[in-house]
All heavy atoms as atom14 arrays in JSON, in Angstrom:
{
  "sequence": "RIDEILFIDARNMGHLINRRTREFSAEDIAEIAGTYHN",
  "atom14_mask": [
    [1, 1, 1, 1, 1, 1, 1, 1, 1, 1, 1, 0, 0, 0],
    [1, 1, 1, 1, 1, 1, 1, 1, 0, 0, 0, 0, 0, 0],
    [1, 1, 1, 1, 1, 1, 1, 1, 0, 0, 0, 0, 0, 0],
    [1, 1, 1, 1, 1, 1, 1, 1, 1, 0, 0, 0, 0, 0],
    [1, 1, 1, 1, 1, 1, 1, 1, 0, 0, 0, 0, 0, 0],
    [1, 1, 1, 1, 1, 1, 1, 1, 0, 0, 0, 0, 0, 0],
    [1, 1, 1, 1, 1, 1, 1, 1, 1, 1, 1, 0, 0, 0],
    [1, 1, 1, 1, 1, 1, 1, 1, 0, 0, 0, 0, 0, 0],
    [1, 1, 1, 1, 1, 1, 1, 1, 0, 0, 0, 0, 0, 0],
    [1, 1, 1, 1, 1, 0, 0, 0, 0, 0, 0, 0, 0, 0],
    [1, 1, 1, 1, 1, 1, 1, 1, 1, 1, 1, 0, 0, 0],
    [1, 1, 1, 1, 1, 1, 1, 1, 0, 0, 0, 0, 0, 0],
    [1, 1, 1, 1, 1, 1, 1, 1, 0, 0, 0, 0, 0, 0],
    [1, 1, 1, 1, 0, 0, 0, 0, 0, 0, 0, 0, 0, 0],
    [1, 1, 1, 1, 1, 1, 1, 1, 1, 1, 0, 0, 0, 0],
    [1, 1, 1, 1, 1, 1, 1, 1, 0, 0, 0, 0, 0, 0],
    [1, 1, 1, 1, 1, 1, 1, 1, 0, 0, 0, 0, 0, 0],
    [1, 1, 1, 1, 1, 1, 1, 1, 0, 0, 0, 0, 0, 0],
    [1, 1, 1, 1, 1, 1, 1, 1, 1, 1, 1, 0, 0, 0],
    [1, 1, 1, 1, 1, 1, 1, 1, 1, 1, 1, 0, 0, 0],
    [1, 1, 1, 1, 1, 1, 1, 0, 0, 0, 0, 0, 0, 0],
    [1, 1, 1, 1, 1, 1, 1, 1, 1, 1, 1, 0, 0, 0],
    [1, 1, 1, 1, 1, 1, 1, 1, 1, 0, 0, 0, 0, 0],
    [1, 1, 1, 1, 1, 1, 1, 1, 1, 1, 1, 0, 0, 0],
    [1, 1, 1, 1, 1, 1, 0, 0, 0, 0, 0, 0, 0, 0],
    [1, 1, 1, 1, 1, 0, 0, 0, 0, 0, 0, 0, 0, 0],
    [1, 1, 1, 1, 1, 1, 1, 1, 1, 0, 0, 0, 0, 0],
    [1, 1, 1, 1, 1, 1, 1, 1, 0, 0, 0, 0, 0, 0],
    [1, 1, 1, 1, 1, 1, 1, 1, 0, 0, 0, 0, 0, 0],
    [1, 1, 1, 1, 1, 0, 0, 0, 0, 0, 0, 0, 0, 0],
    [1, 1, 1, 1, 1, 1, 1, 1, 1, 0, 0, 0, 0, 0],
    [1, 1, 1, 1, 1, 1, 1, 1, 0, 0, 0, 0, 0, 0],
    [1, 1, 1, 1, 1, 0, 0, 0, 0, 0, 0, 0, 0, 0],
    [1, 1, 1, 1, 0, 0, 0, 0, 0, 0, 0, 0, 0, 0],
    [1, 1, 1, 1, 1, 1, 1, 0, 0, 0, 0, 0, 0, 0],
    [1, 1, 1, 1, 1, 1, 1, 1, 1, 1, 1, 1, 0, 0],
    [1, 1, 1, 1, 1, 1, 1, 1, 1, 1, 0, 0, 0, 0],
    [1, 1, 1, 1, 1, 1, 1, 1, 0, 0, 0, 0, 0, 0]
  ],
  "atom14_positions": [
    [[13.63, -31.74, 23.24], [14.15, -30.54, 22.77], [14.6, -30.73, 21.25], [15.47, -30.12, 20.75], [15.45, -30.1, 23.56], [16.5, -31.11, 23.54], [17.17, -31.18, 24.88], [18.38, -32.08, 24.81], [18.23, -33.47, 24.96], [17.09, -33.94, 25.17], [19.36, -34.18, 24.86], [0.0, 0.0, 0.0], [0.0, 0.0, 0.0], [0.0, 0.0, 0.0]],
    [[13.73, -31.58, 20.59], [14.06, -32.04, 19.23], [14.2, -30.89, 18.3], [14.97, -31.05, 17.24], [13.02, -33.19, 18.87], [13.57, -33.95, 17.56], [11.71, -32.58, 18.5], [12.9, -35.22, 17.34], [0.0, 0.0, 0.0], [0.0, 0.0, 0.0], [0.0, 0.0, 0.0], [0.0, 0.0, 0.0], [0.0, 0.0, 0.0], [0.0, 0.0, 0.0]],
    [[13.39, -29.85, 18.45], [13.42, -28.77, 17.39], [14.23, -27.52, 17.86], [13.91, -26.41, 17.52], [11.96, -28.35, 17.11], [11.26, -29.35, 16.25], [11.92, -30.03, 15.41], [10.08, -29.64, 16.51], [0.0, 0.0, 0.0], [0.0, 0.0, 0.0], [0.0, 0.0, 0.0], [0.0, 0.0, 0.0], [0.0, 0.0, 0.0], [0.0, 0.0, 0.0]],
    [[15.11, -27.78, 18.91], [15.87, -26.66, 19.49], [17.37, -27.06, 19.48], [17.8, -28.21, 19.57], [15.51, -26.42, 20.93], [14.04, -26.06, 21.08], [13.69, -26.16, 22.61], [14.35, -25.48, 23.42], [12.7, -26.77, 22.92], [0.0, 0.0, 0.0], [0.0, 0.0, 0.0], [0.0, 0.0, 0.0], [0.0, 0.0, 0.0], [0.0, 0.0, 0.0]],
    [[18.24, -25.94, 19.4], [19.67, -26.15, 19.6], [20.07, -25.09, 20.68], [19.73, -23.93, 20.51], [20.45, -26.0, 18.35], [20.08, -27.12, 17.31], [21.99, -26.08, 18.64], [20.79, -26.93, 15.91], [0.0, 0.0, 0.0], [0.0, 0.0, 0.0], [0.0, 0.0, 0.0], [0.0, 0.0, 0.0], [0.0, 0.0, 0.0], [0.0, 0.0, 0.0]],
    [[20.9, -25.49, 21.64], [21.4, -24.44, 22.63], [22.73, -23.99, 22.17], [23.66, -24.72, 21.77], [21.57, -25.07, 24.07], [22.14, -24.21, 25.05], [21.16, -22.95, 25.35], [22.39, -24.92, 26.35], [0.0, 0.0, 0.0], [0.0, 0.0, 0.0], [0.0, 0.0, 0.0], [0.0, 0.0, 0.0], [0.0, 0.0, 0.0], [0.0, 0.0, 0.0]],
    [[22.89, -22.63, 22.16], [24.09, -21.94, 21.78], [24.58, -21.21, 23.05], [23.96, -20.5, 23.68], [23.97, -20.98, 20.61], [23.6, -21.65, 19.3], [22.25, -21.83, 18.97], [24.5, -22.12, 18.46], [21.87, -22.44, 17.76], [24.2, -22.83, 17.3], [22.87, -22.89, 16.97], [0.0, 0.0, 0.0], [0.0, 0.0, 0.0], [0.0, 0.0, 0.0]],
    [[25.94, -21.44, 23.35], [26.64, -20.84, 24.48], [27.91, -20.19, 23.91], [28.68, -20.79, 23.22], [26.98, -21.87, 25.57], [25.75, -22.45, 26.14], [27.79, -21.14, 26.71], [26.02, -23.54, 27.14], [0.0, 0.0, 0.0], [0.0, 0.0, 0.0], [0.0, 0.0, 0.0], [0.0, 0.0, 0.0], [0.0, 0.0, 0.0], [0.0, 0.0, 0.0]],
    [[28.07, -18.89, 24.17], [29.26, -18.14, 23.79], [30.18, -17.92, 24.97], [29.83, -17.0, 25.81], [28.8, -16.84, 23.07], [30.07, -16.11, 22.32], [31.13, -16.66, 22.58], [29.77, -15.34, 21.57], [0.0, 0.0, 0.0], [0.0, 0.0, 0.0], [0.0, 0.0, 0.0], [0.0, 0.0, 0.0], [0.0, 0.0, 0.0], [0.0, 0.0, 0.0]],
    [[31.22, -18.67, 25.05], [32.04, -18.65, 26.25], [33.48, -18.0, 25.86], [34.43, -18.21, 26.55], [32.27, -19.97, 26.78], [0.0, 0.0, 0.0], [0.0, 0.0, 0.0], [0.0, 0.0, 0.0], [0.0, 0.0, 0.0], [0.0, 0.0, 0.0], [0.0, 0.0, 0.0], [0.0, 0.0, 0.0], [0.0, 0.0, 0.0], [0.0, 0.0, 0.0]],
    [[33.46, -17.19, 24.77], [34.71, -16.58, 24.18], [35.38, -15.65, 25.34], [36.61, -15.57, 25.25], [34.41, -15.86, 23.01], [34.32, -16.68, 21.74], [34.06, -15.83, 20.55], [32.74, -15.17, 20.7], [32.39, -14.25, 19.78], [33.08, -13.91, 18.73], [31.24, -13.63, 19.92], [0.0, 0.0, 0.0], [0.0, 0.0, 0.0], [0.0, 0.0, 0.0]],
    [[34.63, -15.05, 26.17], [35.22, -14.18, 27.09], [35.37, -14.67, 28.53], [35.67, -13.99, 29.44], [34.29, -12.89, 27.22], [34.14, -12.11, 25.88], [35.2, -11.95, 25.21], [32.92, -11.72, 25.53], [0.0, 0.0, 0.0], [0.0, 0.0, 0.0], [0.0, 0.0, 0.0], [0.0, 0.0, 0.0], [0.0, 0.0, 0.0], [0.0, 0.0, 0.0]],
    [[35.36, -16.04, 28.6], [35.44, -16.71, 29.94], [36.9, -17.27, 30.02], [37.65, -17.25, 29.02], [34.36, -17.81, 30.03], [32.98, -17.22, 30.02], [31.75, -18.53, 30.26], [31.85, -18.74, 32.04], [0.0, 0.0, 0.0], [0.0, 0.0, 0.0], [0.0, 0.0, 0.0], [0.0, 0.0, 0.0], [0.0, 0.0, 0.0], [0.0, 0.0, 0.0]],
    [[37.22, -17.71, 31.17], [38.58, -18.3, 31.44], [39.59, -17.18, 31.81], [39.23, -15.96, 31.8], [0.0, 0.0, 0.0], [0.0, 0.0, 0.0], [0.0, 0.0, 0.0], [0.0, 0.0, 0.0], [0.0, 0.0, 0.0], [0.0, 0.0, 0.0], [0.0, 0.0, 0.0], [0.0, 0.0, 0.0], [0.0, 0.0, 0.0], [0.0, 0.0, 0.0]],
    [[40.77, -17.52, 32.22], [41.75, -16.63, 32.67], [43.15, -17.1, 32.19], [43.36, -18.38, 32.05], [41.79, -16.52, 34.2], [42.02, -17.82, 34.88], [40.96, -18.76, 35.16], [43.13, -18.43, 35.42], [41.5, -19.81, 35.71], [42.75, -19.67, 35.92], [0.0, 0.0, 0.0], [0.0, 0.0, 0.0], [0.0, 0.0, 0.0], [0.0, 0.0, 0.0]],
    [[44.07, -16.21, 31.93], [45.42, -16.6, 31.47], [46.28, -17.18, 32.73], [46.31, -16.53, 33.77], [46.07, -15.35, 30.9], [45.59, -14.96, 29.51], [46.15, -13.53, 29.15], [45.93, -15.89, 28.46], [0.0, 0.0, 0.0], [0.0, 0.0, 0.0], [0.0, 0.0, 0.0], [0.0, 0.0, 0.0], [0.0, 0.0, 0.0], [0.0, 0.0, 0.0]],
    [[46.91, -18.28, 32.5], [47.85, -18.85, 33.45], [49.29, -18.51, 33.11], [50.09, -18.62, 33.92], [47.69, -20.36, 33.68], [47.84, -21.03, 32.33], [46.28, -20.68, 34.27], [47.86, -22.66, 32.45], [0.0, 0.0, 0.0], [0.0, 0.0, 0.0], [0.0, 0.0, 0.0], [0.0, 0.0, 0.0], [0.0, 0.0, 0.0], [0.0, 0.0, 0.0]],
    [[49.52, -18.17, 31.87], [50.79, -17.57, 31.42], [50.44, -16.73, 30.16], [49.3, -16.6, 29.76], [51.89, -18.58, 31.17], [51.5, -19.57, 30.14], [50.94, -19.34, 29.09], [51.78, -20.86, 30.46], [0.0, 0.0, 0.0], [0.0, 0.0, 0.0], [0.0, 0.0, 0.0], [0.0, 0.0, 0.0], [0.0, 0.0, 0.0], [0.0, 0.0, 0.0]],
    [[51.48, -16.21, 29.54], [51.25, -15.25, 28.43], [50.53, -15.9, 27.34], [49.79, -15.27, 26.51], [52.71, -14.81, 27.91], [52.59, -13.69, 26.9], [53.94, -13.07, 26.59], [54.93, -14.06, 26.36], [55.14, -14.63, 25.16], [54.39, -14.19, 24.19], [56.07, -15.52, 24.96], [0.0, 0.0, 0.0], [0.0, 0.0, 0.0], [0.0, 0.0, 0.0]],
    [[50.63, -17.24, 27.07], [50.09, -17.89, 25.85], [49.0, -18.97, 26.2], [48.56, -19.58, 25.25], [51.2, -18.47, 24.99], [51.97, -19.68, 25.66], [52.98, -20.28, 24.71], [53.41, -21.55, 25.16], [54.44, -21.67, 25.97], [55.06, -20.58, 26.46], [54.82, -22.87, 26.46], [0.0, 0.0, 0.0], [0.0, 0.0, 0.0], [0.0, 0.0, 0.0]],
    [[48.71, -19.1, 27.48], [47.79, -20.26, 27.77], [46.62, -19.8, 28.74], [46.85, -19.11, 29.71], [48.51, -21.39, 28.47], [49.73, -21.68, 27.76], [47.7, -22.68, 28.62], [0.0, 0.0, 0.0], [0.0, 0.0, 0.0], [0.0, 0.0, 0.0], [0.0, 0.0, 0.0], [0.0, 0.0, 0.0], [0.0, 0.0, 0.0], [0.0, 0.0, 0.0]],
    [[45.5, -20.05, 28.3], [44.24, -19.71, 29.13], [43.62, -21.09, 29.68], [43.77, -22.09, 28.96], [43.3, -19.06, 28.17], [41.98, -18.58, 28.84], [41.08, -17.83, 27.84], [41.62, -16.54, 27.48], [41.51, -15.36, 28.07], [40.76, -15.36, 29.21], [42.08, -14.29, 27.68], [0.0, 0.0, 0.0], [0.0, 0.0, 0.0], [0.0, 0.0, 0.0]],
    [[42.88, -20.98, 30.79], [42.1, -22.05, 31.19], [40.86, -21.6, 31.9], [40.72, -20.43, 32.33], [42.93, -22.94, 32.18], [43.27, -22.24, 33.53], [44.04, -23.25, 34.52], [44.53, -24.25, 34.05], [44.03, -22.93, 35.73], [0.0, 0.0, 0.0], [0.0, 0.0, 0.0], [0.0, 0.0, 0.0], [0.0, 0.0, 0.0], [0.0, 0.0, 0.0]],
    [[39.84, -22.52, 32.04], [38.55, -22.29, 32.69], [38.77, -22.47, 34.17], [39.54, -23.4, 34.58], [37.52, -23.21, 32.21], [36.94, -22.84, 30.85], [37.01, -23.81, 29.79], [36.52, -21.63, 30.51], [36.5, -23.52, 28.58], [36.05, -21.21, 29.24], [36.11, -22.19, 28.31], [0.0, 0.0, 0.0], [0.0, 0.0, 0.0], [0.0, 0.0, 0.0]],
    [[38.14, -21.74, 34.96], [38.13, -21.88, 36.46], [36.92, -22.8, 36.73], [36.08, -23.15, 35.87], [37.86, -20.65, 37.23], [36.52, -20.19, 36.83], [0.0, 0.0, 0.0], [0.0, 0.0, 0.0], [0.0, 0.0, 0.0], [0.0, 0.0, 0.0], [0.0, 0.0, 0.0], [0.0, 0.0, 0.0], [0.0, 0.0, 0.0], [0.0, 0.0, 0.0]],
    [[36.88, -23.37, 37.94], [35.89, -24.32, 38.38], [34.46, -23.56, 38.23], [33.5, -24.18, 37.93], [36.07, -24.73, 39.84], [0.0, 0.0, 0.0], [0.0, 0.0, 0.0], [0.0, 0.0, 0.0], [0.0, 0.0, 0.0], [0.0, 0.0, 0.0], [0.0, 0.0, 0.0], [0.0, 0.0, 0.0], [0.0, 0.0, 0.0], [0.0, 0.0, 0.0]],
    [[34.44, -22.24, 38.47], [33.24, -21.51, 38.48], [32.79, -21.34, 36.95], [31.6, -21.42, 36.62], [33.44, -20.09, 39.01], [33.62, -20.01, 40.53], [34.97, -20.51, 40.97], [35.98, -20.49, 40.12], [35.11, -20.97, 42.17], [0.0, 0.0, 0.0], [0.0, 0.0, 0.0], [0.0, 0.0, 0.0], [0.0, 0.0, 0.0], [0.0, 0.0, 0.0]],
    [[33.7, -21.12, 36.06], [33.36, -21.05, 34.63], [32.73, -22.41, 34.21], [31.68, -22.32, 33.42], [34.66, -20.9, 33.77], [35.37, -19.55, 33.99], [34.56, -18.5, 34.34], [36.53, -19.45, 33.86], [0.0, 0.0, 0.0], [0.0, 0.0, 0.0], [0.0, 0.0, 0.0], [0.0, 0.0, 0.0], [0.0, 0.0, 0.0], [0.0, 0.0, 0.0]],
    [[33.31, -23.53, 34.52], [32.85, -24.87, 34.12], [31.49, -25.03, 34.73], [30.58, -25.52, 33.98], [33.85, -25.89, 34.62], [35.17, -25.82, 33.83], [33.24, -27.34, 34.52], [36.32, -26.63, 34.44], [0.0, 0.0, 0.0], [0.0, 0.0, 0.0], [0.0, 0.0, 0.0], [0.0, 0.0, 0.0], [0.0, 0.0, 0.0], [0.0, 0.0, 0.0]],
    [[31.31, -24.67, 35.96], [29.87, -24.84, 36.57], [28.92, -23.97, 35.91], [27.78, -24.44, 35.67], [30.1, -24.39, 38.06], [0.0, 0.0, 0.0], [0.0, 0.0, 0.0], [0.0, 0.0, 0.0], [0.0, 0.0, 0.0], [0.0, 0.0, 0.0], [0.0, 0.0, 0.0], [0.0, 0.0, 0.0], [0.0, 0.0, 0.0], [0.0, 0.0, 0.0]],
    [[29.27, -22.78, 35.46], [28.32, -21.87, 34.83], [27.94, -22.37, 33.42], [26.7, -22.4, 33.08], [28.94, -20.54, 34.67], [27.91, -19.46, 34.04], [28.4, -18.09, 33.92], [29.57, -17.81, 34.53], [27.7, -17.18, 33.46], [0.0, 0.0, 0.0], [0.0, 0.0, 0.0], [0.0, 0.0, 0.0], [0.0, 0.0, 0.0], [0.0, 0.0, 0.0]],
    [[28.9, -22.86, 32.59], [28.59, -23.37, 31.25], [27.8, -24.66, 31.38], [26.72, -24.79, 30.72], [29.88, -23.58, 30.51], [30.64, -22.23, 30.33], [29.6, -24.14, 29.13], [32.04, -22.38, 29.81], [0.0, 0.0, 0.0], [0.0, 0.0, 0.0], [0.0, 0.0, 0.0], [0.0, 0.0, 0.0], [0.0, 0.0, 0.0], [0.0, 0.0, 0.0]],
    [[28.26, -25.63, 32.22], [27.68, -26.95, 32.32], [26.24, -26.8, 32.87], [25.29, -27.36, 32.5], [28.52, -27.84, 33.08], [0.0, 0.0, 0.0], [0.0, 0.0, 0.0], [0.0, 0.0, 0.0], [0.0, 0.0, 0.0], [0.0, 0.0, 0.0], [0.0, 0.0, 0.0], [0.0, 0.0, 0.0], [0.0, 0.0, 0.0], [0.0, 0.0, 0.0]],
    [[26.09, -25.9, 33.9], [24.83, -25.63, 34.54], [23.74, -25.01, 33.55], [22.6, -25.47, 33.56], [0.0, 0.0, 0.0], [0.0, 0.0, 0.0], [0.0, 0.0, 0.0], [0.0, 0.0, 0.0], [0.0, 0.0, 0.0], [0.0, 0.0, 0.0], [0.0, 0.0, 0.0], [0.0, 0.0, 0.0], [0.0, 0.0, 0.0], [0.0, 0.0, 0.0]],
    [[24.33, -24.2, 32.71], [23.4, -23.69, 31.61], [22.83, -24.75, 30.74], [21.6, -24.79, 30.42], [24.15, -22.66, 30.82], [24.61, -21.52, 31.65], [23.26, -21.99, 29.67], [0.0, 0.0, 0.0], [0.0, 0.0, 0.0], [0.0, 0.0, 0.0], [0.0, 0.0, 0.0], [0.0, 0.0, 0.0], [0.0, 0.0, 0.0], [0.0, 0.0, 0.0]],
    [[23.68, -25.64, 30.3], [23.36, -26.74, 29.39], [22.39, -27.63, 30.18], [21.3, -28.07, 29.62], [24.49, -27.54, 28.99], [24.32, -28.75, 28.08], [23.4, -28.62, 27.04], [24.95, -29.92, 28.32], [23.2, -29.73, 26.18], [24.76, -31.01, 27.61], [23.88, -30.88, 26.42], [23.66, -32.05, 25.64], [0.0, 0.0, 0.0], [0.0, 0.0, 0.0]],
    [[22.64, -27.99, 31.46], [21.75, -28.91, 32.22], [20.41, -28.29, 32.48], [19.41, -29.0, 32.34], [22.44, -29.3, 33.54], [23.71, -30.05, 33.29], [24.74, -30.15, 34.27], [24.21, -30.76, 32.28], [25.71, -30.86, 33.8], [25.42, -31.21, 32.63], [0.0, 0.0, 0.0], [0.0, 0.0, 0.0], [0.0, 0.0, 0.0], [0.0, 0.0, 0.0]],
    [[20.43, -27.02, 32.76], [19.04, -26.34, 33.06], [18.21, -26.29, 31.79], [17.06, -26.26, 31.79], [19.32, -24.95, 33.56], [19.54, -24.81, 35.1], [18.92, -25.58, 35.83], [20.47, -24.1, 35.49], [0.0, 0.0, 0.0], [0.0, 0.0, 0.0], [0.0, 0.0, 0.0], [0.0, 0.0, 0.0], [0.0, 0.0, 0.0], [0.0, 0.0, 0.0]]
  ]
}
């Protein structure tokens, strides 16, 4: 893949665990990592 770069926009992923902190769910992680691996 020498002449390619993969771009992933995950800005709208994750969920708030309190008013000021967000985290990814296991499903979010699987989707992003799976996209890269595929």
